[in-house]
PDB file of N, CA and C in Angstrom:
ATOM      1  N   MET A   1     -32.102  -5.433-217.821  1.00  0.00           N
ATOM      2  CA  MET A   1     -32.278  -3.982-217.985  1.00  0.00           C
ATOM      3  C   MET A   1     -33.221  -3.269-217.134  1.00  0.00           C
ATOM      4  N   TYR A   2     -32.854  -2.515-216.363  1.00  0.00           N
ATOM      5  CA  TYR A   2     -33.644  -1.296-215.505  1.00  0.00           C
ATOM      6  C   TYR A   2     -33.128  -0.018-216.144  1.00  0.00           C
ATOM      7  N   GLY A   3     -34.139   0.730-216.667  1.00  0.00           N
ATOM      8  CA  GLY A   3     -33.630   1.948-216.686  1.00  0.00           C
ATOM      9  C   GLY A   3     -32.565   2.471-217.984  1.00  0.00           C
ATOM     10  N   GLY A   4     -32.345   1.416-218.786  1.00  0.00           N
ATOM     11  CA  GLY A   4     -30.780   1.244-219.538  1.00  0.00           C
ATOM     12  C   GLY A   4     -29.904   1.107-218.770  1.00  0.00           C
ATOM     13  N   GLU A   5     -30.039   0.482-217.450  1.00  0.00           N
ATOM     14  CA  GLU A   5     -28.885  -0.249-216.828  1.00  0.00           C
ATOM     15  C   GLU A   5     -29.203  -1.591-216.635  1.00  0.00           C
ATOM     16  N   GLN A   6     -27.805  -2.211-216.962  1.00  0.00           N
ATOM     17  CA  GLN A   6     -27.925  -3.873-217.206  1.00  0.00           C
ATOM     18  C   GLN A   6     -27.924  -3.970-215.675  1.00  0.00           C
ATOM     19  N   ILE A   7     -28.811  -5.005-215.194  1.00  0.00           N
ATOM     20  CA  ILE A   7     -28.669  -5.650-213.964  1.00  0.00           C
ATOM     21  C   ILE A   7     -28.826  -7.148-214.410  1.00  0.00           C
ATOM     22  N   ASP A   8     -27.961  -7.852-213.310  1.00  0.00           N
ATOM     23  CA  ASP A   8     -28.101  -9.476-213.464  1.00  0.00           C
ATOM     24  C   ASP A   8     -29.064  -9.608-212.149  1.00  0.00           C
ATOM     25  N   VAL A   9     -30.468 -10.186-212.525  1.00  0.00           N
ATOM     26  CA  VAL A   9     -31.019 -10.486-211.397  1.00  0.00           C
ATOM     27  C   VAL A   9     -30.899 -11.671-210.831  1.00  0.00           C
ATOM     28  N   HIS A  10     -29.905 -12.577-211.228  1.00  0.00           N
ATOM     29  CA  HIS A  10     -29.589 -13.641-210.567  1.00  0.00           C
ATOM     30  C   HIS A  10     -28.267 -13.512-209.487  1.00  0.00           C
ATOM     31  N   ASP A  11     -27.199 -12.152-210.066  1.00  0.00           N
ATOM     32  CA  ASP A  11     -26.228 -12.018-208.872  1.00  0.00           C
ATOM     33  C   ASP A  11     -26.485 -10.557-208.859  1.00  0.00           C
ATOM     34  N   PHE A  12     -27.480  -9.985-208.348  1.00  0.00           N
ATOM     35  CA  PHE A  12     -27.739  -8.704-207.892  1.00  0.00           C
ATOM     36  C   PHE A  12     -27.207  -8.259-206.208  1.00  0.00           C
ATOM     37  N   VAL A  13     -26.524  -7.468-206.151  1.00  0.00           N
ATOM     38  CA  VAL A  13     -26.351  -7.057-205.020  1.00  0.00           C
ATOM     39  C   VAL A  13     -26.762  -5.653-204.483  1.00  0.00           C
ATOM     40  N   SER A  14     -27.649  -5.380-203.834  1.00  0.00           N
ATOM     41  CA  SER A  14     -28.598  -4.055-203.839  1.00  0.00           C
ATOM     42  C   SER A  14     -27.577  -2.989-203.400  1.00  0.00           C
ATOM     43  N   ASP A  15     -26.639  -3.072-202.077  1.00  0.00           N
ATOM     44  CA  ASP A  15     -25.716  -2.496-201.865  1.00  0.00           C
ATOM     45  C   ASP A  15     -25.013  -1.428-203.230  1.00  0.00           C
ATOM     46  N   SER A  16     -24.735  -2.538-204.303  1.00  0.00           N
ATOM     47  CA  SER A  16     -24.178  -1.715-205.159  1.00  0.00           C
ATOM     48  C   SER A  16     -24.854  -0.760-206.137  1.00  0.00           C
ATOM     49  N   PHE A  17     -26.133  -1.053-206.089  1.00  0.00           N
ATOM     50  CA  PHE A  17     -26.933  -0.014-206.565  1.00  0.00           C
ATOM     51  C   PHE A  17     -27.834   0.847-205.369  1.00  0.00           C
ATOM     52  N   THR A  18     -27.122   1.875-205.295  1.00  0.00           N
ATOM     53  CA  THR A  18     -27.483   2.842-204.022  1.00  0.00           C
ATOM     54  C   THR A  18     -28.892   3.744-204.501  1.00  0.00           C
ATOM     55  N   ALA A  19     -29.394   4.096-203.354  1.00  0.00           N
ATOM     56  CA  ALA A  19     -30.555   5.100-203.852  1.00  0.00           C
ATOM     57  C   ALA A  19     -29.924   6.326-204.556  1.00  0.00           C
ATOM     58  N   SER A  20     -28.964   6.804-204.426  1.00  0.00           N
ATOM     59  CA  SER A  20     -28.525   8.209-205.381  1.00  0.00           C
ATOM     60  C   SER A  20     -28.134   7.589-206.635  1.00  0.00           C
ATOM     61  N   LYS A  21     -27.751   6.358-207.006  1.00  0.00           N
ATOM     62  CA  LYS A  21     -27.424   5.702-208.475  1.00  0.00           C
ATOM     63  C   LYS A  21     -29.121   5.306-208.881  1.00  0.00           C
ATOM     64  N   TRP A  22     -30.037   5.024-208.165  1.00  0.00           N
ATOM     65  CA  TRP A  22     -31.438   5.017-208.592  1.00  0.00           C
ATOM     66  C   TRP A  22     -31.807   6.014-209.180  1.00  0.00           C
ATOM     67  N   PHE A  23     -32.076   7.091-208.030  1.00  0.00           N
ATOM     68  CA  PHE A  23     -32.476   8.629-208.586  1.00  0.00           C
ATOM     69  C   PHE A  23     -32.052   8.656-209.706  1.00  0.00           C
ATOM     70  N   GLN A  24     -30.253   8.736-209.786  1.00  0.00           N
ATOM     71  CA  GLN A  24     -29.800   9.286-211.047  1.00  0.00           C
ATOM     72  C   GLN A  24     -30.533   8.516-212.282  1.00  0.00           C
ATOM     73  N   VAL A  25     -30.680   7.099-212.226  1.00  0.00           N
ATOM     74  CA  VAL A  25     -31.325   6.502-213.400  1.00  0.00           C
ATOM     75  C   VAL A  25     -32.675   6.735-213.740  1.00  0.00           C
ATOM     76  N   SER A  26     -33.292   6.768-212.165  1.00  0.00           N
ATOM     77  CA  SER A  26     -34.826   7.252-212.616  1.00  0.00           C
ATOM     78  C   SER A  26     -35.004   8.643-213.227  1.00  0.00           C
ATOM     79  N   GLN A  27     -34.306   9.461-213.099  1.00  0.00           N
ATOM     80  CA  GLN A  27     -34.172  10.832-213.788  1.00  0.00           C
ATOM     81  C   GLN A  27     -34.007  10.852-214.844  1.00  0.00           C
ATOM     82  N   ASN A  28     -33.179  10.097-215.368  1.00  0.00           N
ATOM     83  CA  ASN A  28     -32.514   9.756-216.911  1.00  0.00           C
ATOM     84  C   ASN A  28     -33.483   9.225-217.586  1.00  0.00           C
ATOM     85  N   ASN A  29     -34.243   8.440-217.183  1.00  0.00           N
ATOM     86  CA  ASN A  29     -35.391   7.196-217.689  1.00  0.00           C
ATOM     87  C   ASN A  29     -36.903   7.342-217.205  1.00  0.00           C
ATOM     88  N   PRO A  30     -37.472   8.580-217.044  1.00  0.00           N
ATOM     89  CA  PRO A  30     -38.695   8.531-216.116  1.00  0.00           C
ATOM     90  C   PRO A  30     -39.364   7.536-216.663  1.00  0.00           C
ATOM     91  N   LEU A  31     -39.633   7.032-218.022  1.00  0.00           N
ATOM     92  CA  LEU A  31     -40.534   6.013-218.652  1.00  0.00           C
ATOM     93  C   LEU A  31     -40.175   4.630-217.865  1.00  0.00           C
ATOM     94  N   ALA A  32     -39.058   4.449-217.476  1.00  0.00           N
ATOM     95  CA  ALA A  32     -38.785   3.089-216.912  1.00  0.00           C
ATOM     96  C   ALA A  32     -39.312   2.948-215.502  1.00  0.00           C
ATOM     97  N   VAL A  33     -39.432   4.102-214.916  1.00  0.00           N
ATOM     98  CA  VAL A  33     -40.065   4.148-213.770  1.00  0.00           C
ATOM     99  C   VAL A  33     -41.661   4.100-213.943  1.00  0.00           C
ATOM    100  N   ASN A  34     -42.205   4.616-214.693  1.00  0.00           N
ATOM    101  CA  ASN A  34     -43.622   4.542-214.579  1.00  0.00           C
ATOM    102  C   ASN A  34     -43.931   2.910-215.426  1.00  0.00           C
ATOM    103  N   LYS A  35     -43.362   2.806-216.130  1.00  0.00           N
ATOM    104  CA  LYS A  35     -43.553   1.186-216.840  1.00  0.00           C
ATOM    105  C   LYS A  35     -43.159   0.279-215.503  1.00  0.00           C
ATOM    106  N   TYR A  36     -42.373   0.363-214.755  1.00  0.00           N
ATOM    107  CA  TYR A  36     -42.203  -0.465-213.421  1.00  0.00           C
ATOM    108  C   TYR A  36     -43.451  -0.355-212.474  1.00  0.00           C
ATOM    109  N   PHE A  37     -43.728   1.006-212.312  1.00  0.00           N
ATOM    110  CA  PHE A  37     -45.049   1.175-211.345  1.00  0.00           C
ATOM    111  C   PHE A  37     -46.500   0.654-211.816  1.00  0.00           C
ATOM    112  N   HIS A  38     -46.624   0.586-213.076  1.00  0.00           N
ATOM    113  CA  HIS A  38     -47.792   0.339-213.828  1.00  0.00           C
ATOM    114  C   HIS A  38     -47.604  -1.303-213.531  1.00  0.00           C
ATOM    115  N   THR A  39     -46.248  -2.076-213.918  1.00  0.00           N
ATOM    116  CA  THR A  39     -46.268  -3.210-213.750  1.00  0.00           C
ATOM    117  C   THR A  39     -46.681  -3.832-212.438  1.00  0.00           C
ATOM    118  N   MET A  40     -45.870  -3.002-210.993  1.00  0.00           N
ATOM    119  CA  MET A  40     -46.286  -3.500-209.974  1.00  0.00           C
ATOM    120  C   MET A  40     -47.762  -3.198-209.353  1.00  0.00           C
ATOM    121  N   VAL A  41     -48.362  -2.038-209.801  1.00  0.00           N
ATOM    122  CA  VAL A  41     -49.825  -2.017-209.437  1.00  0.00           C
ATOM    123  C   VAL A  41     -50.931  -2.594-210.291  1.00  0.00           C
ATOM    124  N   SER A  42     -50.445  -3.485-211.287  1.00  0.00           N
ATOM    125  CA  SER A  42     -51.198  -4.329-211.945  1.00  0.00           C
ATOM    126  C   SER A  42     -51.216  -5.704-211.686  1.00  0.00           C
ATOM    127  N   THR A  43     -49.868  -6.178-211.032  1.00  0.00           N
ATOM    128  CA  THR A  43     -49.853  -7.423-210.495  1.00  0.00           C
ATOM    129  C   THR A  43     -50.500  -7.553-209.088  1.00  0.00           C
ATOM    130  N   PHE A  44     -50.218  -5.948-208.529  1.00  0.00           N
ATOM    131  CA  PHE A  44     -51.163  -6.339-207.265  1.00  0.00           C
ATOM    132  C   PHE A  44     -52.152  -6.388-207.516  1.00  0.00           C
ATOM    133  N   ILE A  45     -52.879  -5.660-208.242  1.00  0.00           N
ATOM    134  CA  ILE A  45     -54.496  -5.876-208.383  1.00  0.00           C
ATOM    135  C   ILE A  45     -54.829  -7.181-208.988  1.00  0.00           C
ATOM    136  N   GLU A  46     -54.235  -7.683-210.103  1.00  0.00           N
ATOM    137  CA  GLU A  46     -54.564  -8.988-210.569  1.00  0.00           C
ATOM    138  C   GLU A  46     -54.257 -10.226-209.372  1.00  0.00           C
ATOM    139  N   VAL A  47     -53.037 -10.228-208.595  1.00  0.00           N
ATOM    140  CA  VAL A  47     -52.830 -11.436-207.930  1.00  0.00           C
ATOM    141  C   VAL A  47     -53.456 -11.342-206.398  1.00  0.00           C
ATOM    142  N   VAL A  48     -53.473 -10.202-205.906  1.00  0.00           N
ATOM    143  CA  VAL A  48     -53.795  -9.717-204.291  1.00  0.00           C
ATOM    144  C   VAL A  48     -55.221  -9.515-204.584  1.00  0.00           C
ATOM    145  N   LEU A  49     -55.553  -8.401-205.362  1.00  0.00           N
ATOM    146  CA  LEU A  49     -57.112  -8.190-205.487  1.00  0.00           C
ATOM    147  C   LEU A  49     -58.259  -8.934-205.956  1.00  0.00           C
ATOM    148  N   ASN A  50     -57.858  -9.348-207.143  1.00  0.00           N
ATOM    149  CA  ASN A  50     -58.687 -10.198-207.853  1.00  0.00           C
ATOM    150  C   ASN A  50     -58.522 -11.535-207.465  1.00  0.00           C
ATOM    151  N   GLY A  51     -56.960 -11.983-206.863  1.00  0.00           N
ATOM    152  CA  GLY A  51     -57.107 -13.379-206.616  1.00  0.00           C
ATOM    153  C   GLY A  51     -57.945 -13.988-205.406  1.00  0.00           C
ATOM    154  N   GLY A  52     -58.713 -12.836-204.741  1.00  0.00           N
ATOM    155  CA  GLY A  52     -59.465 -13.587-203.806  1.00  0.00           C
ATOM    156  C   GLY A  52     -59.207 -13.382-202.176  1.00  0.00           C
ATOM    157  N   LEU A  53     -57.925 -12.749-202.057  1.00  0.00           N
ATOM    158  CA  LEU A  53     -57.253 -12.820-200.944  1.00  0.00           C
ATOM    159  C   LEU A  53     -58.114 -12.372-199.597  1.00  0.00           C
ATOM    160  N   PHE A  54     -58.910 -11.209-199.844  1.00  0.00           N
ATOM    161  CA  PHE A  54     -59.760 -10.475-199.484  1.00  0.00           C
ATOM    162  C   PHE A  54     -61.446 -10.850-199.397  1.00  0.00           C
ATOM    163  N   GLY A  55     -61.957 -11.676-200.403  1.00  0.00           N
ATOM    164  CA  GLY A  55     -62.759 -11.945-201.027  1.00  0.00           C
ATOM    165  C   GLY A  55     -62.989 -11.601-202.344  1.00  0.00           C
ATOM    166  N   GLU A  56     -64.100 -11.652-202.510  1.00  0.00           N
ATOM    167  CA  GLU A  56     -64.812 -11.166-204.127  1.00  0.00           C
ATOM    168  C   GLU A  56     -64.224  -9.661-204.336  1.00  0.00           C
ATOM    169  N   LEU A  57     -63.666  -9.038-205.318  1.00  0.00           N
ATOM    170  CA  LEU A  57     -63.611  -7.657-205.821  1.00  0.00           C
ATOM    171  C   LEU A  57     -64.765  -7.484-206.617  1.00  0.00           C
ATOM    172  N   SER A  58     -65.340  -6.146-205.898  1.00  0.00           N
ATOM    173  CA  SER A  58     -66.499  -5.845-206.383  1.00  0.00           C
ATOM    174  C   SER A  58     -65.970  -4.268-207.393  1.00  0.00           C
ATOM    175  N   ASP A  59     -65.262  -3.463-206.836  1.00  0.00           N
ATOM    176  CA  ASP A  59     -64.671  -2.462-207.724  1.00  0.00           C
ATOM    177  C   ASP A  59     -63.377  -1.727-207.034  1.00  0.00           C
ATOM    178  N   TYR A  60     -62.574  -1.066-207.908  1.00  0.00           N
ATOM    179  CA  TYR A  60     -61.296  -0.351-207.256  1.00  0.00           C
ATOM    180  C   TYR A  60     -61.410   1.281-208.014  1.00  0.00           C
ATOM    181  N   PHE A  61     -60.544   1.557-207.382  1.00  0.00           N
ATOM    182  CA  PHE A  61     -60.526   3.137-208.012  1.00  0.00           C
ATOM    183  C   PHE A  61     -58.887   3.826-207.277  1.00  0.00           C
ATOM    184  N   GLY A  62     -57.913   4.280-208.298  1.00  0.00           N
ATOM    185  CA  GLY A  62     -57.040   4.775-207.572  1.00  0.00           C
ATOM    186  C   GLY A  62     -56.570   5.848-208.534  1.00  0.00           C
ATOM    187  N   VAL A  63     -55.971   7.055-207.412  1.00  0.00           N
ATOM    188  CA  VAL A  63     -55.425   8.257-208.235  1.00  0.00           C
ATOM    189  C   VAL A  63     -53.805   8.275-207.871  1.00  0.00           C
ATOM    190  N   ILE A  64     -53.379   8.327-209.003  1.00  0.00           N
ATOM    191  CA  ILE A  64     -51.868   8.470-209.021  1.00  0.00           C
ATOM    192  C   ILE A  64     -51.101   9.883-208.631  1.00  0.00           C
ATOM    193  N   GLU A  65     -50.350   9.991-208.033  1.00  0.00           N
ATOM    194  CA  GLU A  65     -49.678  11.070-207.850  1.00  0.00           C
ATOM    195  C   GLU A  65     -48.061  11.124-207.610  1.00  0.00           C
ATOM    196  N   TYR A  66     -47.413  12.189-207.698  1.00  0.00           N
ATOM    197  CA  TYR A  66     -46.173  11.763-208.143  1.00  0.00           C
ATOM    198  C   TYR A  66     -45.173  12.593-206.653  1.00  0.00           C
ATOM    199  N   GLN A  67     -44.108  11.984-206.018  1.00  0.00           N
ATOM    200  CA  GLN A  67     -43.542  12.506-204.846  1.00  0.00           C
ATOM    201  C   GLN A  67     -42.678  13.495-205.249  1.00  0.00           C
ATOM    202  N   GLY A  68     -41.938  14.423-204.543  1.00  0.00           N
ATOM    203  CA  GLY A  68     -41.259  15.487-204.992  1.00  0.00           C
ATOM    204  C   GLY A  68     -39.933  14.771-205.548  1.00  0.00           C
ATOM    205  N   ARG A  69     -39.757  13.586-205.608  1.00  0.00           N
ATOM    206  CA  ARG A  69     -38.336  13.149-205.991  1.00  0.00           C
ATOM    207  C   ARG A  69     -38.704  12.689-207.512  1.00  0.00           C
ATOM    208  N   GLY A  70     -40.200  12.684-207.761  1.00  0.00           N
ATOM    209  CA  GLY A  70     -40.541  12.509-208.666  1.00  0.00           C
ATOM    210  C   GLY A  70     -40.969  10.897-209.173  1.00  0.00           C
ATOM    211  N   THR A  71     -40.917  10.029-207.958  1.00  0.00           N
ATOM    212  CA  THR A  71     -41.555   8.968-207.878  1.00  0.00           C
ATOM    213  C   THR A  71     -43.102   8.616-207.962  1.00  0.00           C
ATOM    214  N   PRO A  72     -43.866   7.732-208.364  1.00  0.00           N
ATOM    215  CA  PRO A  72     -45.435   7.647-208.253  1.00  0.00           C
ATOM    216  C   PRO A  72     -45.734   7.079-207.141  1.00  0.00           C
ATOM    217  N   HIS A  73     -46.673   7.393-206.979  1.00  0.00           N
ATOM    218  CA  HIS A  73     -47.700   6.453-205.779  1.00  0.00           C
ATOM    219  C   HIS A  73     -48.886   7.005-205.914  1.00  0.00           C
ATOM    220  N   ILE A  74     -49.565   5.739-205.630  1.00  0.00           N
ATOM    221  CA  ILE A  74     -51.230   5.822-205.413  1.00  0.00           C
ATOM    222  C   ILE A  74     -52.148   5.868-204.161  1.00  0.00           C
ATOM    223  N   HIS A  75     -53.185   6.309-204.301  1.00  0.00           N
ATOM    224  CA  HIS A  75     -54.328   6.374-203.211  1.00  0.00           C
ATOM    225  C   HIS A  75     -55.371   5.712-203.967  1.00  0.00           C
ATOM    226  N   GLY A  76     -55.627   4.574-203.410  1.00  0.00           N
ATOM    227  CA  GLY A  76     -56.967   4.048-204.143  1.00  0.00           C
ATOM    228  C   GLY A  76     -58.055   3.444-203.049  1.00  0.00           C
ATOM    229  N   MET A  77     -58.855   3.101-203.366  1.00  0.00           N
ATOM    230  CA  MET A  77     -60.312   2.506-202.668  1.00  0.00           C
ATOM    231  C   MET A  77     -60.466   1.452-203.235  1.00  0.00           C
ATOM    232  N   VAL A  78     -60.883   0.360-202.462  1.00  0.00           N
ATOM    233  CA  VAL A  78     -61.250  -1.069-202.882  1.00  0.00           C
ATOM    234  C   VAL A  78     -62.436  -1.577-202.415  1.00  0.00           C
ATOM    235  N   ALA A  79     -63.506  -2.047-202.790  1.00  0.00           N
ATOM    236  CA  ALA A  79     -64.929  -2.507-202.596  1.00  0.00           C
ATOM    237  C   ALA A  79     -64.653  -4.060-202.729  1.00  0.00           C
ATOM    238  N   PHE A  80     -65.223  -4.752-201.828  1.00  0.00           N
ATOM    239  CA  PHE A  80     -65.474  -6.225-201.864  1.00  0.00           C
ATOM    240  C   PHE A  80     -66.805  -6.532-202.150  1.00  0.00           C
ATOM    241  N   ALA A  81     -67.129  -7.589-202.489  1.00  0.00           N
ATOM    242  CA  ALA A  81     -68.521  -8.061-202.580  1.00  0.00           C
ATOM    243  C   ALA A  81     -68.914  -8.593-201.138  1.00  0.00           C
ATOM    244  N   LYS A  82     -69.999  -8.201-200.695  1.00  0.00           N
ATOM    245  CA  LYS A  82     -70.538  -8.765-199.220  1.00  0.00           C
ATOM    246  C   LYS A  82     -70.459 -10.445-199.243  1.00  0.00           C
ATOM    247  N   ILE A  83     -70.097 -10.845-198.295  1.00  0.00           N
ATOM    248  CA  ILE A  83     -70.249 -12.648-198.298  1.00  0.00           C
ATOM    249  C   ILE A  83     -71.103 -12.896-197.270  1.00  0.00           C
ATOM    250  N   ASP A  84     -72.128 -13.623-197.136  1.00  0.00           N
ATOM    251  CA  ASP A  84     -73.192 -13.714-196.468  1.00  0.00           C
ATOM    252  C   ASP A  84     -72.866 -14.996-195.917  1.00  0.00           C
TER     253      ASP A  84
END
């Protein structure tokens, strides 16, 4: 399920889920958009930042804003420990 829409992840054709359809679903269920955004940001922090790809993570901070179409995005700062 995505925003109340049944989606088969094993047989998903992105062309059948157009931008206008996605916009309609997101406007009808903004909580689904926020839950998806939270999952994506949390996964990025855990896998990429805490995963050591750029070194040892020291700290991070982000501000979430919403675009005109109602979708969230984040502006962030990331600090890594100094490597000797």
